Amino acid sequence: MDSAPGWLAWLNSGAAVTAGAAIAWLFNAWIEARKTRDDRTSASEQTQLRVGEHGTELMKEVLRVVRADLDAAKLEVAQLRGEMAAFQDIERRLMHFEEALFHIDHLIRAEETGDREAAEHAAELFLTKMRALRQLRGDEANREQAARAAGRLFEDKEG
């Protein structure tokens, strides 16, 4: 074996066998690692798809709940608008009562202070404003009544 060339002698030694085994082991480990990475990637993608599907279902459920709440809130707002309109009418009437009381008080004090003419003028302006408002409310009520009568007349003709 001594007469063999240098590289051939190396092949016959245990170092070549060890190096070959190490190379084969590393190549096999690389292949397994590659398969595992591909498998992990595939599993990760499948998990993301399942999470996406679950998330989609969850989002749909959240949207259904939110839409139902939104519809309920819109209904409540519509009801509150009607109530607020009624409260605004009451508030306006209370303001008119307050203003009327102010003018009555001013007229009573004007007797004592000698400012009767200014108090009467302010009271007359208030009464003029209240008459105009009453006229407008009456005109509006007449229009509403006429519209209701026309609607009934139209319904009677159809029926």
Protein backbone atom coordinates (compact mmCIF):
# COMPACT_ATOMS: atom_id res chain seq x y z
CA MET A 1 0.00 0.00 0.00
CA ASP A 2 2.98 2.23 0.31
CA SER A 3 3.51 2.34 -3.41
CA ALA A 4 0.08 3.91 -4.07
CA PRO A 5 -0.02 7.56 -5.09
CA GLY A 6 -0.74 10.15 -2.32
CA TRP A 7 -4.30 10.77 -3.04
CA LEU A 8 -5.02 7.07 -3.39
CA ALA A 9 -3.37 6.40 -0.07
CA TRP A 10 -5.62 9.01 1.48
CA LEU A 11 -8.69 7.26 0.06
CA ASN A 12 -7.58 4.00 1.61
CA SER A 13 -7.22 5.61 5.02
CA GLY A 14 -10.07 6.05 7.55
CA ALA A 15 -10.12 9.81 6.94
CA ALA A 16 -11.77 9.35 3.55
CA VAL A 17 -14.46 7.16 5.02
CA THR A 18 -15.07 9.66 7.81
CA ALA A 19 -15.19 12.59 5.38
CA GLY A 20 -17.57 10.71 3.10
CA ALA A 21 -19.82 9.83 6.00
CA ALA A 22 -19.81 13.46 7.19
CA ILE A 23 -20.66 14.74 3.72
CA ALA A 24 -23.46 12.19 3.36
CA TRP A 25 -24.76 13.06 6.83
CA LEU A 26 -24.70 16.83 6.09
CA PHE A 27 -26.41 16.32 2.74
CA ASN A 28 -29.10 14.16 4.35
CA ALA A 29 -29.59 16.73 7.16
CA TRP A 30 -29.89 19.51 4.58
CA ILE A 31 -32.54 17.52 2.66
CA GLU A 32 -34.49 16.82 5.87
CA ALA A 33 -34.21 20.44 6.95
CA ARG A 34 -35.43 21.52 3.56
CA LYS A 35 -38.40 19.14 3.75
CA THR A 36 -39.19 20.31 7.26
CA ARG A 37 -39.01 23.96 6.20
CA ASP A 38 -41.33 23.26 3.26
CA ASP A 39 -43.66 21.30 5.53
CA ARG A 40 -43.56 24.11 8.11
CA THR A 41 -44.30 26.66 5.41
CA SER A 42 -47.17 24.57 4.10
CA ALA A 43 -48.56 24.06 7.62
CA SER A 44 -48.18 27.75 8.36
CA GLU A 45 -50.03 28.65 5.17
CA GLN A 46 -52.82 26.21 6.05
CA THR A 47 -53.04 27.66 9.55
CA GLN A 48 -53.22 31.18 8.12
CA LEU A 49 -56.01 30.08 5.80
CA ARG A 50 -57.94 28.55 8.71
CA VAL A 51 -57.39 31.68 10.79
CA GLY A 52 -58.43 33.78 7.79
CA GLU A 53 -61.62 31.76 7.37
CA HIS A 54 -62.35 31.97 11.09
CA GLY A 55 -61.53 35.68 11.02
CA THR A 56 -63.84 36.14 8.05
CA GLU A 57 -66.67 34.38 9.89
CA LEU A 58 -65.89 36.39 13.01
CA MET A 59 -65.90 39.63 11.03
CA LYS A 60 -69.21 38.70 9.44
CA GLU A 61 -70.71 38.04 12.87
CA VAL A 62 -69.34 41.33 14.21
CA LEU A 63 -70.79 43.15 11.19
CA ARG A 64 -74.20 41.51 11.76
CA VAL A 65 -74.20 42.56 15.41
CA VAL A 66 -73.02 46.08 14.65
CA ARG A 67 -75.60 46.53 11.88
CA ALA A 68 -78.38 45.35 14.20
CA ASP A 69 -77.23 47.80 16.87
CA LEU A 70 -76.99 50.57 14.29
CA ASP A 71 -80.54 49.91 13.09
CA ALA A 72 -81.79 49.96 16.69
CA ALA A 73 -79.92 53.21 17.35
CA LYS A 74 -81.42 54.79 14.21
CA LEU A 75 -84.88 53.81 15.41
CA GLU A 76 -84.21 55.34 18.82
CA VAL A 77 -82.89 58.54 17.23
CA ALA A 78 -86.02 58.82 15.08
CA GLN A 79 -88.19 58.42 18.17
CA LEU A 80 -86.11 60.96 20.07
CA ARG A 81 -86.43 63.47 17.25
CA GLY A 82 -90.21 63.35 17.59
CA GLU A 83 -89.96 63.73 21.35
CA MET A 84 -87.45 66.58 20.99
CA ALA A 85 -89.80 68.42 18.64
CA ALA A 86 -92.54 68.13 21.25
CA PHE A 87 -90.16 69.32 23.97
CA GLN A 88 -89.06 72.25 21.82
CA ASP A 89 -92.70 73.32 21.43
CA ILE A 90 -93.16 73.10 25.21
CA GLU A 91 -89.92 75.02 25.76
CA ARG A 92 -91.05 77.78 23.37
CA ARG A 93 -94.38 78.08 25.19
CA LEU A 94 -92.57 78.28 28.53
CA MET A 95 -90.34 81.03 27.14
CA HIS A 96 -93.48 82.92 26.03
CA PHE A 97 -95.00 82.53 29.49
CA GLU A 98 -91.76 83.79 31.03
CA GLU A 99 -91.74 86.77 28.70
CA ALA A 100 -95.42 87.48 29.47
CA LEU A 101 -94.65 87.41 33.22
CA PHE A 102 -91.76 89.81 32.62
CA HIS A 103 -94.09 92.26 30.83
CA ILE A 104 -96.74 91.99 33.55
CA ASP A 105 -94.08 92.64 36.20
CA HIS A 106 -92.71 95.55 34.17
CA LEU A 107 -96.21 97.05 33.83
CA ILE A 108 -96.79 96.75 37.61
CA ARG A 109 -93.45 98.39 38.43
CA ALA A 110 -94.00 101.07 35.80
CA GLU A 111 -96.88 102.37 37.93
CA GLU A 112 -94.42 103.04 40.73
CA THR A 113 -91.53 104.39 38.64
CA GLY A 114 -93.51 106.46 36.16
CA ASP A 115 -92.23 104.46 33.18
CA ARG A 116 -95.70 103.36 32.14
CA GLU A 117 -95.44 104.38 28.48
CA ALA A 118 -92.28 102.31 27.75
CA ALA A 119 -93.74 99.29 29.58
CA GLU A 120 -97.00 99.51 27.62
CA HIS A 121 -95.08 99.82 24.33
CA ALA A 122 -92.98 96.70 25.13
CA ALA A 123 -96.14 94.80 26.16
CA GLU A 124 -97.91 95.80 22.91
CA LEU A 125 -94.92 94.55 20.87
CA PHE A 126 -95.05 91.26 22.77
CA LEU A 127 -98.79 90.91 22.12
CA THR A 128 -98.27 91.66 18.42
CA LYS A 129 -95.60 88.97 18.23
CA MET A 130 -97.84 86.46 20.02
CA ARG A 131 -100.77 87.22 17.69
CA ALA A 132 -98.54 86.70 14.66
CA LEU A 133 -97.30 83.38 16.08
CA ARG A 134 -100.89 82.29 16.80
CA GLN A 135 -101.84 83.20 13.23
CA LEU A 136 -98.91 81.17 11.87
CA ARG A 137 -99.84 78.17 14.03
CA GLY A 138 -103.44 78.50 12.86
CA ASP A 139 -102.38 78.72 9.21
CA GLU A 140 -100.15 75.67 9.67
CA ALA A 141 -102.96 73.74 11.37
CA ASN A 142 -105.33 74.72 8.54
CA ARG A 143 -102.83 73.47 5.94
CA GLU A 144 -102.40 70.18 7.80
CA GLN A 145 -106.16 69.77 8.08
CA ALA A 146 -106.59 70.52 4.37
CA ALA A 147 -103.91 67.96 3.51
CA ARG A 148 -105.61 65.31 5.68
CA ALA A 149 -108.99 66.10 4.08
CA ALA A 150 -107.49 65.86 0.59
CA GLY A 151 -105.91 62.52 1.53
CA ARG A 152 -109.23 61.19 2.79
CA LEU A 153 -110.97 62.44 -0.35
CA PHE A 154 -108.35 60.72 -2.51
CA GLU A 155 -108.74 57.48 -0.51
CA ASP A 156 -112.53 57.64 -0.88
CA LYS A 157 -112.25 58.01 -4.66
CA GLU A 158 -109.90 55.02 -4.91
CA GLY A 159 -111.98 52.83 -2.60
